[in-house]
């Protein structure tokens, strides 16, 4: 009973997103393939920390570096400490608009549900950071909703886009083709696009020659 109560208290101290719980499994299966030859991954915008804890536990060949704005570090650290994994690192303080990271330090990068809530300038800077910090041949996996061929893939995503724009005119579901241009500007070429549950995608870019 004491052990059970302790476990309940530990979970209560961690931020929890139902969406991260639902989409973690499908995302994990993509990352198993895309990061199979990688060793050091940078996650931009770790959010609650749920994905990082789950993926680091399942992909123990990876050193998983979390990062986010300082205001989210307590929650991420709760998941990091609770996971007790040697390959899961505490979060870097990272605001994409001002961050400067060492070049060619990682051979993989991952971000989920960030591009549509970032400003356009922040999306641009995220791609610049990844292009600089990835080694040649490194992979970047970006999960979230995208417009493809100028179109929304569902009416619900069109409504979601309008809801985001009503909150902040700089938010919104991004055009995949515009992200591809950003990638090319920073040495990244898109190699795959996965359709995911809940009308989302994972886009995969590689640095350098394919």
N, C-alpha and C. Protein backbone atom coordinates (compact mmCIF):
# COMPACT_ATOMS: atom_id res chain seq x y z
N UNK A 1 0.82 -1.20 0.00
CA UNK A 1 0.00 0.00 0.00
C UNK A 1 0.86 1.26 0.00
N UNK A 2 1.94 1.26 0.79
CA UNK A 2 2.81 2.42 0.82
C UNK A 2 3.48 2.65 -0.51
N UNK A 3 3.92 1.55 -1.16
CA UNK A 3 4.55 1.68 -2.47
C UNK A 3 3.57 2.22 -3.49
N UNK A 4 2.32 1.74 -3.45
CA UNK A 4 1.30 2.21 -4.38
C UNK A 4 1.03 3.70 -4.17
N UNK A 5 0.92 4.12 -2.90
CA UNK A 5 0.67 5.53 -2.60
C UNK A 5 1.81 6.41 -3.07
N UNK A 6 3.04 5.91 -2.91
CA UNK A 6 4.21 6.66 -3.37
C UNK A 6 4.18 6.84 -4.88
N UNK A 7 3.79 5.78 -5.61
CA UNK A 7 3.72 5.86 -7.07
C UNK A 7 2.67 6.87 -7.51
N UNK A 8 1.51 6.90 -6.79
CA UNK A 8 0.46 7.85 -7.13
C UNK A 8 0.93 9.29 -6.91
N UNK A 9 1.64 9.52 -5.80
CA UNK A 9 2.16 10.87 -5.54
C UNK A 9 3.16 11.29 -6.59
N UNK A 10 4.01 10.34 -7.03
CA UNK A 10 5.01 10.67 -8.05
C UNK A 10 4.33 11.06 -9.35
N UNK A 11 3.29 10.32 -9.78
CA UNK A 11 2.58 10.64 -11.01
C UNK A 11 1.88 11.99 -10.89
N UNK A 12 1.34 12.30 -9.69
CA UNK A 12 0.62 13.55 -9.51
C UNK A 12 1.53 14.75 -9.63
N UNK A 13 2.81 14.56 -9.41
CA UNK A 13 3.77 15.66 -9.49
C UNK A 13 4.29 15.89 -10.90
N UNK A 14 3.87 15.06 -11.85
CA UNK A 14 4.33 15.19 -13.22
C UNK A 14 3.23 15.78 -14.09
N UNK A 15 3.58 16.69 -15.01
CA UNK A 15 2.58 17.14 -15.98
C UNK A 15 2.19 15.98 -16.89
N UNK A 16 0.96 15.95 -17.34
CA UNK A 16 0.48 14.83 -18.15
C UNK A 16 -0.42 15.36 -19.24
N UNK A 17 -0.11 14.98 -20.48
CA UNK A 17 -0.94 15.36 -21.63
C UNK A 17 -1.51 14.08 -22.25
N UNK A 18 -2.82 14.01 -22.34
CA UNK A 18 -3.44 12.82 -22.92
C UNK A 18 -2.99 12.60 -24.37
N UNK A 19 -2.79 13.70 -25.09
CA UNK A 19 -2.37 13.56 -26.49
C UNK A 19 -1.00 12.90 -26.60
N UNK A 20 -0.09 13.27 -25.70
CA UNK A 20 1.25 12.66 -25.71
C UNK A 20 1.18 11.18 -25.37
N UNK A 21 0.25 10.82 -24.51
CA UNK A 21 0.06 9.41 -24.18
C UNK A 21 -0.47 8.65 -25.38
N UNK A 22 -1.42 9.24 -26.12
CA UNK A 22 -2.03 8.57 -27.27
C UNK A 22 -1.08 8.44 -28.44
N UNK A 23 -0.36 9.53 -28.75
CA UNK A 23 0.44 9.50 -29.98
C UNK A 23 1.83 8.93 -29.78
N UNK A 24 2.23 8.68 -28.53
CA UNK A 24 3.58 8.20 -28.27
C UNK A 24 3.91 6.89 -28.96
N UNK A 25 2.96 5.95 -28.94
CA UNK A 25 3.22 4.65 -29.56
C UNK A 25 3.46 4.72 -31.05
N UNK A 26 2.56 5.35 -31.82
CA UNK A 26 2.79 5.47 -33.27
C UNK A 26 4.06 6.24 -33.61
N UNK A 27 4.36 7.31 -32.86
CA UNK A 27 5.59 8.05 -33.12
C UNK A 27 6.80 7.18 -32.85
N UNK A 28 6.77 6.44 -31.77
CA UNK A 28 7.89 5.58 -31.40
C UNK A 28 8.23 4.61 -32.52
N UNK A 29 7.23 4.03 -33.16
CA UNK A 29 7.50 3.05 -34.23
C UNK A 29 8.22 3.70 -35.41
N UNK A 30 7.90 4.95 -35.71
CA UNK A 30 8.62 5.66 -36.77
C UNK A 30 10.06 5.93 -36.34
N UNK A 31 10.24 6.40 -35.10
CA UNK A 31 11.58 6.73 -34.63
C UNK A 31 12.47 5.49 -34.54
N UNK A 32 11.88 4.33 -34.27
CA UNK A 32 12.69 3.10 -34.24
C UNK A 32 13.44 2.92 -35.55
N UNK A 33 12.75 3.22 -36.66
CA UNK A 33 13.38 3.09 -37.98
C UNK A 33 14.28 4.28 -38.28
N UNK A 34 13.75 5.48 -38.12
CA UNK A 34 14.47 6.67 -38.56
C UNK A 34 15.72 6.93 -37.72
N UNK A 35 15.72 6.55 -36.45
CA UNK A 35 16.86 6.80 -35.56
C UNK A 35 17.62 5.51 -35.24
N UNK A 36 17.44 4.48 -36.04
CA UNK A 36 18.07 3.19 -35.73
C UNK A 36 19.60 3.27 -35.77
N UNK A 37 20.14 4.15 -36.61
CA UNK A 37 21.58 4.28 -36.70
C UNK A 37 22.13 5.50 -35.99
N UNK A 38 21.29 6.16 -35.18
CA UNK A 38 21.70 7.39 -34.50
C UNK A 38 22.16 7.09 -33.08
N UNK A 39 22.83 8.08 -32.47
CA UNK A 39 23.31 7.89 -31.10
C UNK A 39 22.99 9.06 -30.18
N UNK A 40 22.87 10.30 -30.72
CA UNK A 40 22.61 11.47 -29.88
C UNK A 40 21.50 12.30 -30.52
N UNK A 41 20.38 12.42 -29.82
CA UNK A 41 19.23 13.14 -30.36
C UNK A 41 18.92 14.37 -29.52
N UNK A 42 18.63 15.46 -30.20
CA UNK A 42 18.18 16.69 -29.56
C UNK A 42 16.68 16.80 -29.77
N UNK A 43 15.92 16.89 -28.67
CA UNK A 43 14.50 17.16 -28.77
C UNK A 43 14.26 18.64 -28.50
N UNK A 44 13.64 19.31 -29.45
CA UNK A 44 13.31 20.72 -29.29
C UNK A 44 11.85 20.84 -28.85
N UNK A 45 11.65 21.45 -27.68
CA UNK A 45 10.30 21.61 -27.15
C UNK A 45 9.80 20.33 -26.51
N UNK A 46 10.44 19.90 -25.42
CA UNK A 46 10.08 18.62 -24.80
C UNK A 46 8.74 18.66 -24.07
N UNK A 47 8.18 19.85 -23.84
CA UNK A 47 6.83 19.95 -23.30
C UNK A 47 6.70 19.35 -21.91
N UNK A 48 5.81 18.37 -21.78
CA UNK A 48 5.63 17.72 -20.48
C UNK A 48 6.81 16.83 -20.10
N UNK A 49 7.54 16.35 -21.11
CA UNK A 49 8.62 15.38 -20.86
C UNK A 49 8.19 13.95 -21.07
N UNK A 50 6.91 13.71 -21.35
CA UNK A 50 6.40 12.34 -21.52
C UNK A 50 7.07 11.62 -22.68
N UNK A 51 7.13 12.26 -23.84
CA UNK A 51 7.74 11.61 -24.99
C UNK A 51 9.19 11.24 -24.70
N UNK A 52 9.92 12.17 -24.12
CA UNK A 52 11.34 11.91 -23.85
C UNK A 52 11.52 10.69 -22.97
N UNK A 53 10.75 10.60 -21.89
CA UNK A 53 10.88 9.47 -20.97
C UNK A 53 10.52 8.16 -21.65
N UNK A 54 9.47 8.17 -22.44
CA UNK A 54 9.04 6.94 -23.12
C UNK A 54 10.03 6.52 -24.20
N UNK A 55 10.45 7.46 -25.01
CA UNK A 55 11.32 7.12 -26.13
C UNK A 55 12.71 6.72 -25.66
N UNK A 56 13.23 7.40 -24.65
CA UNK A 56 14.55 7.05 -24.13
C UNK A 56 14.54 5.66 -23.52
N UNK A 57 13.43 5.28 -22.89
CA UNK A 57 13.33 3.94 -22.31
C UNK A 57 13.29 2.86 -23.39
N UNK A 58 12.63 3.15 -24.50
CA UNK A 58 12.48 2.16 -25.57
C UNK A 58 13.67 2.15 -26.54
N UNK A 59 14.34 3.29 -26.67
CA UNK A 59 15.45 3.42 -27.63
C UNK A 59 16.74 3.69 -26.86
N UNK A 60 17.20 2.67 -26.17
CA UNK A 60 18.30 2.89 -25.23
C UNK A 60 19.66 3.04 -25.92
N UNK A 61 19.71 2.87 -27.23
CA UNK A 61 20.95 3.18 -27.95
C UNK A 61 21.11 4.69 -28.15
N UNK A 62 20.05 5.46 -27.84
CA UNK A 62 20.09 6.90 -28.03
C UNK A 62 20.35 7.62 -26.72
N UNK A 63 21.20 8.64 -26.76
CA UNK A 63 21.28 9.61 -25.67
C UNK A 63 20.29 10.72 -26.02
N UNK A 64 19.25 10.85 -25.18
CA UNK A 64 18.13 11.75 -25.50
C UNK A 64 18.29 13.05 -24.72
N UNK A 65 18.54 14.14 -25.46
CA UNK A 65 18.72 15.46 -24.84
C UNK A 65 17.41 16.24 -24.92
N UNK A 66 16.78 16.47 -23.77
CA UNK A 66 15.58 17.28 -23.73
C UNK A 66 15.93 18.77 -23.77
N UNK A 67 14.95 19.59 -24.14
CA UNK A 67 15.14 21.05 -24.12
C UNK A 67 13.78 21.73 -24.14
N UNK A 68 13.74 22.93 -23.61
CA UNK A 68 12.51 23.72 -23.65
C UNK A 68 12.78 25.07 -23.00
N UNK A 69 11.76 25.91 -22.99
CA UNK A 69 11.81 27.15 -22.23
C UNK A 69 11.93 26.82 -20.74
N UNK A 70 12.54 27.70 -20.00
CA UNK A 70 12.78 27.45 -18.58
C UNK A 70 11.50 27.14 -17.81
N UNK A 71 10.40 27.75 -18.21
CA UNK A 71 9.14 27.57 -17.47
C UNK A 71 8.63 26.13 -17.49
N UNK A 72 9.11 25.33 -18.43
CA UNK A 72 8.68 23.93 -18.53
C UNK A 72 9.66 22.94 -17.92
N UNK A 73 10.76 23.44 -17.36
CA UNK A 73 11.81 22.53 -16.90
C UNK A 73 11.41 21.70 -15.69
N UNK A 74 10.62 22.25 -14.79
CA UNK A 74 10.26 21.47 -13.61
C UNK A 74 9.51 20.20 -13.99
N UNK A 75 8.57 20.33 -14.91
CA UNK A 75 7.82 19.16 -15.35
C UNK A 75 8.68 18.15 -16.07
N UNK A 76 9.55 18.64 -16.96
CA UNK A 76 10.44 17.73 -17.69
C UNK A 76 11.37 17.03 -16.72
N UNK A 77 11.92 17.77 -15.77
CA UNK A 77 12.82 17.16 -14.79
C UNK A 77 12.11 16.11 -13.94
N UNK A 78 10.81 16.29 -13.69
CA UNK A 78 10.07 15.28 -12.94
C UNK A 78 10.02 13.97 -13.70
N UNK A 79 9.81 14.04 -15.01
CA UNK A 79 9.80 12.82 -15.83
C UNK A 79 11.21 12.25 -15.96
N UNK A 80 12.22 13.10 -16.11
CA UNK A 80 13.60 12.63 -16.24
C UNK A 80 14.03 11.90 -14.97
N UNK A 81 13.78 12.50 -13.82
CA UNK A 81 14.20 11.87 -12.57
C UNK A 81 13.40 10.61 -12.29
N UNK A 82 12.11 10.63 -12.63
CA UNK A 82 11.28 9.44 -12.42
C UNK A 82 11.67 8.28 -13.31
N UNK A 83 12.17 8.58 -14.51
CA UNK A 83 12.55 7.52 -15.44
C UNK A 83 13.81 6.78 -15.01
N UNK A 84 14.71 7.47 -14.33
CA UNK A 84 15.96 6.86 -13.84
C UNK A 84 16.73 6.17 -14.98
N UNK A 85 16.90 6.91 -16.06
CA UNK A 85 17.60 6.39 -17.23
C UNK A 85 18.90 7.14 -17.43
N UNK A 86 19.97 6.42 -17.70
CA UNK A 86 21.26 7.08 -17.90
C UNK A 86 21.33 7.76 -19.26
N UNK A 87 20.46 7.39 -20.19
CA UNK A 87 20.49 7.97 -21.53
C UNK A 87 19.49 9.11 -21.72
N UNK A 88 18.84 9.55 -20.64
CA UNK A 88 17.88 10.64 -20.70
C UNK A 88 18.42 11.82 -19.90
N UNK A 89 18.67 12.94 -20.60
CA UNK A 89 19.37 14.08 -19.99
C UNK A 89 18.41 15.19 -19.59
N UNK A 90 18.71 15.90 -18.50
CA UNK A 90 17.90 17.05 -18.08
C UNK A 90 17.84 18.10 -19.18
N UNK A 91 16.81 18.94 -19.15
CA UNK A 91 16.58 19.86 -20.27
C UNK A 91 17.60 20.98 -20.38
N UNK A 92 17.97 21.27 -21.62
CA UNK A 92 18.69 22.49 -21.92
C UNK A 92 17.72 23.66 -21.88
N UNK A 93 18.20 24.82 -21.47
CA UNK A 93 17.41 26.04 -21.57
C UNK A 93 17.48 26.50 -23.03
N UNK A 94 16.34 26.41 -23.72
CA UNK A 94 16.38 26.66 -25.16
C UNK A 94 15.15 27.43 -25.62
N UNK A 95 15.38 28.65 -26.03
CA UNK A 95 14.41 29.45 -26.75
C UNK A 95 14.94 29.55 -28.17
N UNK A 96 14.21 29.01 -29.13
CA UNK A 96 14.77 28.92 -30.49
C UNK A 96 15.11 30.29 -31.07
N UNK A 97 14.47 31.34 -30.59
CA UNK A 97 14.74 32.67 -31.13
C UNK A 97 16.11 33.21 -30.72
N UNK A 98 16.65 32.70 -29.62
CA UNK A 98 17.91 33.24 -29.12
C UNK A 98 18.99 32.17 -28.93
N UNK A 99 18.64 30.91 -29.06
CA UNK A 99 19.57 29.82 -28.74
C UNK A 99 20.73 29.75 -29.72
N UNK A 100 21.88 29.39 -29.18
CA UNK A 100 23.06 29.06 -29.99
C UNK A 100 23.63 27.76 -29.46
N UNK A 101 23.64 26.73 -30.30
CA UNK A 101 24.12 25.42 -29.89
C UNK A 101 25.41 25.08 -30.63
N UNK A 102 26.22 24.20 -30.06
CA UNK A 102 27.43 23.77 -30.77
C UNK A 102 27.08 23.15 -32.12
N UNK A 103 27.93 23.32 -33.09
CA UNK A 103 27.67 22.77 -34.42
C UNK A 103 28.00 21.29 -34.46
N UNK A 104 27.21 20.57 -35.26
CA UNK A 104 27.44 19.15 -35.55
C UNK A 104 27.65 18.32 -34.28
N UNK A 105 26.80 18.55 -33.29
CA UNK A 105 26.89 17.84 -32.02
C UNK A 105 25.98 16.62 -31.98
N UNK A 106 24.88 16.64 -32.74
CA UNK A 106 23.87 15.58 -32.71
C UNK A 106 23.77 14.91 -34.08
N UNK A 107 23.34 13.64 -34.06
CA UNK A 107 23.08 12.98 -35.33
C UNK A 107 21.59 12.71 -35.53
N UNK A 108 20.75 13.27 -34.66
CA UNK A 108 19.30 13.19 -34.82
C UNK A 108 18.66 14.36 -34.08
N UNK A 109 17.49 14.77 -34.56
CA UNK A 109 16.71 15.82 -33.91
C UNK A 109 15.24 15.46 -34.03
N UNK A 110 14.48 15.87 -33.02
CA UNK A 110 13.06 15.53 -32.96
C UNK A 110 12.29 16.69 -32.35
N UNK A 111 11.10 16.93 -32.86
CA UNK A 111 10.22 17.93 -32.28
C UNK A 111 8.79 17.54 -32.59
N UNK A 112 7.90 17.78 -31.63
CA UNK A 112 6.49 17.39 -31.81
C UNK A 112 5.58 18.54 -31.43
N UNK A 113 4.62 18.79 -32.32
CA UNK A 113 3.57 19.78 -32.06
C UNK A 113 4.13 21.14 -31.66
N UNK A 114 5.13 21.58 -32.41
CA UNK A 114 5.76 22.86 -32.13
C UNK A 114 5.59 23.87 -33.27
N UNK A 115 5.71 23.43 -34.51
CA UNK A 115 5.78 24.37 -35.63
C UNK A 115 4.51 25.21 -35.75
N UNK A 116 3.35 24.64 -35.41
CA UNK A 116 2.11 25.40 -35.58
C UNK A 116 1.83 26.36 -34.43
N UNK A 117 2.53 26.20 -33.31
CA UNK A 117 2.33 27.15 -32.20
C UNK A 117 3.49 28.14 -32.08
N UNK A 118 4.55 27.93 -32.84
CA UNK A 118 5.64 28.90 -32.91
C UNK A 118 5.30 30.01 -33.88
N UNK A 119 5.97 31.14 -33.73
CA UNK A 119 5.89 32.19 -34.74
C UNK A 119 6.65 31.74 -35.98
N UNK A 120 6.41 32.42 -37.09
CA UNK A 120 7.14 32.11 -38.32
C UNK A 120 8.64 32.28 -38.11
N UNK A 121 9.03 33.35 -37.42
CA UNK A 121 10.45 33.57 -37.15
C UNK A 121 11.04 32.43 -36.31
N UNK A 122 10.26 31.93 -35.35
CA UNK A 122 10.75 30.85 -34.51
C UNK A 122 10.90 29.55 -35.31
N UNK A 123 9.98 29.29 -36.22
CA UNK A 123 10.11 28.10 -37.08
C UNK A 123 11.37 28.22 -37.93
N UNK A 124 11.58 29.40 -38.50
CA UNK A 124 12.79 29.62 -39.30
C UNK A 124 14.04 29.35 -38.47
N UNK A 125 14.05 29.86 -37.24
CA UNK A 125 15.23 29.69 -36.39
C UNK A 125 15.40 28.24 -35.96
N UNK A 126 14.28 27.52 -35.73
CA UNK A 126 14.39 26.11 -35.38
C UNK A 126 15.10 25.33 -36.47
N UNK A 127 14.75 25.58 -37.72
CA UNK A 127 15.41 24.87 -38.82
C UNK A 127 16.87 25.28 -38.91
N UNK A 128 17.18 26.54 -38.64
CA UNK A 128 18.59 26.97 -38.67
C UNK A 128 19.39 26.28 -37.57
N UNK A 129 18.81 26.17 -36.38
CA UNK A 129 19.49 25.50 -35.27
C UNK A 129 19.74 24.03 -35.61
N UNK A 130 18.74 23.38 -36.16
CA UNK A 130 18.89 21.97 -36.48
C UNK A 130 19.89 21.77 -37.61
N UNK A 131 19.82 22.62 -38.63
CA UNK A 131 20.77 22.50 -39.72
C UNK A 131 22.21 22.66 -39.25
N UNK A 132 22.42 23.52 -38.26
CA UNK A 132 23.76 23.75 -37.74
C UNK A 132 24.20 22.65 -36.78
N UNK A 133 23.30 22.19 -35.92
CA UNK A 133 23.70 21.26 -34.85
C UNK A 133 23.73 19.80 -35.30
N UNK A 134 23.10 19.49 -36.44
CA UNK A 134 23.13 18.11 -36.94
C UNK A 134 24.43 17.80 -37.67
N UNK A 135 24.92 16.60 -37.46
CA UNK A 135 26.05 16.10 -38.24
C UNK A 135 25.58 15.76 -39.65
N UNK A 136 26.51 15.64 -40.56
CA UNK A 136 26.18 15.21 -41.92
C UNK A 136 25.51 13.85 -41.86
N UNK A 137 24.41 13.71 -42.60
CA UNK A 137 23.67 12.46 -42.61
C UNK A 137 22.66 12.34 -41.49
N UNK A 138 22.63 13.32 -40.56
CA UNK A 138 21.70 13.27 -39.44
C UNK A 138 20.26 13.46 -39.89
N UNK A 139 19.32 12.97 -39.08
CA UNK A 139 17.89 13.00 -39.41
C UNK A 139 17.14 13.92 -38.47
N UNK A 140 16.18 14.64 -39.01
CA UNK A 140 15.27 15.48 -38.24
C UNK A 140 13.85 15.01 -38.47
N UNK A 141 13.15 14.61 -37.39
CA UNK A 141 11.77 14.16 -37.46
C UNK A 141 10.88 15.20 -36.79
N UNK A 142 9.92 15.73 -37.54
CA UNK A 142 9.00 16.74 -37.04
C UNK A 142 7.58 16.20 -37.10
N UNK A 143 6.93 16.10 -35.93
CA UNK A 143 5.57 15.58 -35.84
C UNK A 143 4.58 16.73 -35.68
N UNK A 144 3.45 16.60 -36.34
CA UNK A 144 2.39 17.58 -36.17
C UNK A 144 1.51 17.66 -37.40
N UNK A 145 0.56 18.61 -37.42
CA UNK A 145 -0.27 18.82 -38.60
C UNK A 145 0.45 19.70 -39.62
N UNK A 146 0.25 19.41 -40.91
CA UNK A 146 0.82 20.24 -41.98
C UNK A 146 -0.23 20.43 -43.05
N UNK A 147 -0.10 21.54 -43.78
CA UNK A 147 -0.82 21.68 -45.04
C UNK A 147 0.06 21.11 -46.14
N UNK A 148 -0.53 20.33 -47.01
CA UNK A 148 0.23 19.65 -48.06
C UNK A 148 -0.40 20.00 -49.40
N UNK A 149 0.42 20.52 -50.32
CA UNK A 149 -0.13 20.96 -51.59
C UNK A 149 -1.08 22.13 -51.42
N UNK A 150 -0.86 22.92 -50.36
CA UNK A 150 -1.69 24.08 -50.10
C UNK A 150 -3.02 23.76 -49.44
N UNK A 151 -3.28 22.47 -49.16
CA UNK A 151 -4.57 22.06 -48.64
C UNK A 151 -4.45 21.48 -47.23
N UNK A 152 -5.51 21.67 -46.44
CA UNK A 152 -5.64 20.96 -45.18
C UNK A 152 -6.10 19.53 -45.47
N UNK A 153 -5.61 18.58 -44.68
CA UNK A 153 -6.00 17.19 -44.96
C UNK A 153 -7.38 16.84 -44.41
N UNK A 154 -7.91 17.64 -43.49
CA UNK A 154 -9.26 17.41 -42.95
C UNK A 154 -9.90 18.75 -42.62
N UNK A 155 -11.25 18.80 -42.61
CA UNK A 155 -11.93 20.02 -42.15
C UNK A 155 -11.58 20.37 -40.71
N UNK A 156 -11.33 19.37 -39.87
CA UNK A 156 -11.00 19.66 -38.47
C UNK A 156 -9.67 20.38 -38.35
N UNK A 157 -8.70 20.05 -39.22
CA UNK A 157 -7.44 20.77 -39.19
C UNK A 157 -7.58 22.19 -39.72
N UNK A 158 -8.47 22.39 -40.69
CA UNK A 158 -8.75 23.75 -41.16
C UNK A 158 -9.34 24.59 -40.03
N UNK A 159 -10.25 23.98 -39.26
CA UNK A 159 -10.84 24.69 -38.12
C UNK A 159 -9.80 24.94 -37.03
N UNK A 160 -8.92 23.97 -36.83
CA UNK A 160 -7.85 24.14 -35.84
C UNK A 160 -6.95 25.30 -36.23
N UNK A 161 -6.61 25.39 -37.51
CA UNK A 161 -5.78 26.48 -38.00
C UNK A 161 -6.44 27.83 -37.71
N UNK A 162 -7.72 27.94 -37.98
CA UNK A 162 -8.42 29.21 -37.73
C UNK A 162 -8.46 29.54 -36.25
N UNK A 163 -8.60 28.51 -35.42
CA UNK A 163 -8.60 28.73 -33.97
C UNK A 163 -7.24 29.24 -33.50
N UNK A 164 -6.17 28.67 -34.05
CA UNK A 164 -4.83 29.14 -33.71
C UNK A 164 -4.65 30.59 -34.14
N UNK A 165 -5.08 30.90 -35.36
CA UNK A 165 -4.91 32.26 -35.89
C UNK A 165 -5.71 33.28 -35.08
N UNK A 166 -6.84 32.84 -34.52
CA UNK A 166 -7.64 33.76 -33.72
C UNK A 166 -6.96 34.07 -32.39
N UNK A 167 -6.14 33.13 -31.90
CA UNK A 167 -5.38 33.35 -30.67
C UNK A 167 -4.16 34.23 -30.93
N UNK A 168 -3.48 33.97 -32.07
CA UNK A 168 -2.25 34.69 -32.40
C UNK A 168 -2.08 34.57 -33.91
N UNK A 169 -2.05 35.69 -34.58
CA UNK A 169 -1.99 35.68 -36.05
C UNK A 169 -0.70 35.08 -36.58
N UNK A 170 0.31 34.88 -35.72
CA UNK A 170 1.58 34.31 -36.15
C UNK A 170 1.61 32.79 -35.98
N UNK A 171 0.55 32.24 -35.37
CA UNK A 171 0.44 30.79 -35.27
C UNK A 171 -0.28 30.25 -36.51
N UNK A 172 -0.25 28.93 -36.66
CA UNK A 172 -1.01 28.31 -37.74
C UNK A 172 -0.33 27.07 -38.27
N UNK A 173 -1.11 26.22 -38.92
CA UNK A 173 -0.58 25.00 -39.51
C UNK A 173 0.26 25.37 -40.73
N UNK A 174 1.49 24.90 -40.76
CA UNK A 174 2.44 25.33 -41.78
C UNK A 174 2.29 24.54 -43.08
N UNK A 175 2.67 25.20 -44.17
CA UNK A 175 2.74 24.53 -45.47
C UNK A 175 3.99 23.64 -45.49
N UNK A 176 3.81 22.38 -45.80
CA UNK A 176 4.93 21.47 -45.84
C UNK A 176 5.98 21.93 -46.86
N UNK A 177 5.52 22.46 -47.96
CA UNK A 177 6.45 22.93 -48.99
C UNK A 177 7.31 24.09 -48.48
N UNK A 178 6.73 24.95 -47.65
CA UNK A 178 7.51 26.05 -47.07
C UNK A 178 8.55 25.51 -46.10
N UNK A 179 8.19 24.47 -45.35
CA UNK A 179 9.16 23.84 -44.46
C UNK A 179 10.28 23.18 -45.26
N UNK A 180 9.93 22.59 -46.39
CA UNK A 180 10.96 22.00 -47.25
C UNK A 180 11.95 23.06 -47.73
N UNK A 181 11.43 24.24 -48.07
CA UNK A 181 12.33 25.32 -48.50
C UNK A 181 13.25 25.74 -47.36
N UNK A 182 12.69 25.84 -46.16
CA UNK A 182 13.52 26.15 -45.00
C UNK A 182 14.59 25.08 -44.81
N UNK A 183 14.19 23.84 -44.99
CA UNK A 183 15.15 22.75 -44.87
C UNK A 183 16.30 22.92 -45.85
N UNK A 184 15.96 23.15 -47.10
CA UNK A 184 17.00 23.30 -48.12
C UNK A 184 17.93 24.47 -47.83
N UNK A 185 17.35 25.54 -47.30
CA UNK A 185 18.17 26.71 -46.92
C UNK A 185 19.20 26.36 -45.84
N UNK A 186 18.92 25.30 -45.09
CA UNK A 186 19.79 24.92 -43.97
C UNK A 186 20.42 23.54 -44.15
N UNK A 187 20.51 23.10 -45.42
CA UNK A 187 21.21 21.86 -45.72
C UNK A 187 20.41 20.61 -45.45
N UNK A 188 19.08 20.71 -45.36
CA UNK A 188 18.23 19.56 -45.03
C UNK A 188 17.30 19.25 -46.20
N UNK A 189 17.22 17.98 -46.57
CA UNK A 189 16.35 17.54 -47.65
C UNK A 189 15.32 16.55 -47.10
N UNK A 190 14.05 16.78 -47.44
CA UNK A 190 13.03 15.85 -46.95
C UNK A 190 13.10 14.54 -47.71
N UNK A 191 13.08 13.44 -46.96
CA UNK A 191 13.20 12.11 -47.55
C UNK A 191 11.96 11.26 -47.37
N UNK A 192 11.14 11.57 -46.36
CA UNK A 192 9.94 10.76 -46.12
C UNK A 192 8.86 11.61 -45.45
N UNK A 193 7.62 11.14 -45.62
CA UNK A 193 6.46 11.73 -44.94
C UNK A 193 5.55 10.60 -44.52
N UNK A 194 5.30 10.50 -43.23
CA UNK A 194 4.44 9.46 -42.68
C UNK A 194 3.09 10.04 -42.29
N UNK A 195 2.01 9.41 -42.73
CA UNK A 195 0.69 9.76 -42.22
C UNK A 195 0.52 9.12 -40.85
N UNK A 196 0.07 9.92 -39.88
CA UNK A 196 -0.06 9.47 -38.50
C UNK A 196 -1.51 9.59 -38.04
N UNK A 197 -1.84 8.93 -36.91
CA UNK A 197 -3.21 9.05 -36.39
C UNK A 197 -3.55 10.51 -36.05
N UNK A 198 -4.84 10.75 -35.93
CA UNK A 198 -5.38 12.06 -35.55
C UNK A 198 -5.00 13.15 -36.55
N UNK A 199 -4.87 12.76 -37.84
CA UNK A 199 -4.67 13.71 -38.94
C UNK A 199 -3.35 14.46 -38.88
N UNK A 200 -2.35 13.82 -38.28
CA UNK A 200 -1.02 14.40 -38.21
C UNK A 200 -0.05 13.67 -39.15
N UNK A 201 1.18 14.17 -39.19
CA UNK A 201 2.24 13.58 -40.00
C UNK A 201 3.55 13.57 -39.21
N UNK A 202 4.48 12.76 -39.68
CA UNK A 202 5.88 12.95 -39.34
C UNK A 202 6.64 13.20 -40.63
N UNK A 203 7.26 14.36 -40.74
CA UNK A 203 8.13 14.67 -41.87
C UNK A 203 9.57 14.42 -41.44
N UNK A 204 10.35 13.84 -42.35
CA UNK A 204 11.74 13.47 -42.04
C UNK A 204 12.66 14.14 -43.05
N UNK A 205 13.59 14.92 -42.53
CA UNK A 205 14.63 15.55 -43.35
C UNK A 205 16.00 14.97 -42.96
N UNK A 206 16.87 14.84 -43.96
CA UNK A 206 18.25 14.43 -43.70
C UNK A 206 19.19 15.59 -44.05
N UNK A 207 20.26 15.68 -43.30
CA UNK A 207 21.24 16.72 -43.59
C UNK A 207 22.26 16.21 -44.61
N UNK A 208 22.51 17.03 -45.59
CA UNK A 208 23.52 16.68 -46.59
C UNK A 208 22.95 15.83 -47.70
N UNK A 209 23.82 15.16 -48.39
CA UNK A 209 23.42 14.35 -49.52
C UNK A 209 22.63 13.14 -49.06
N UNK A 210 21.61 12.82 -49.84
CA UNK A 210 20.76 11.66 -49.53
C UNK A 210 21.41 10.39 -50.09
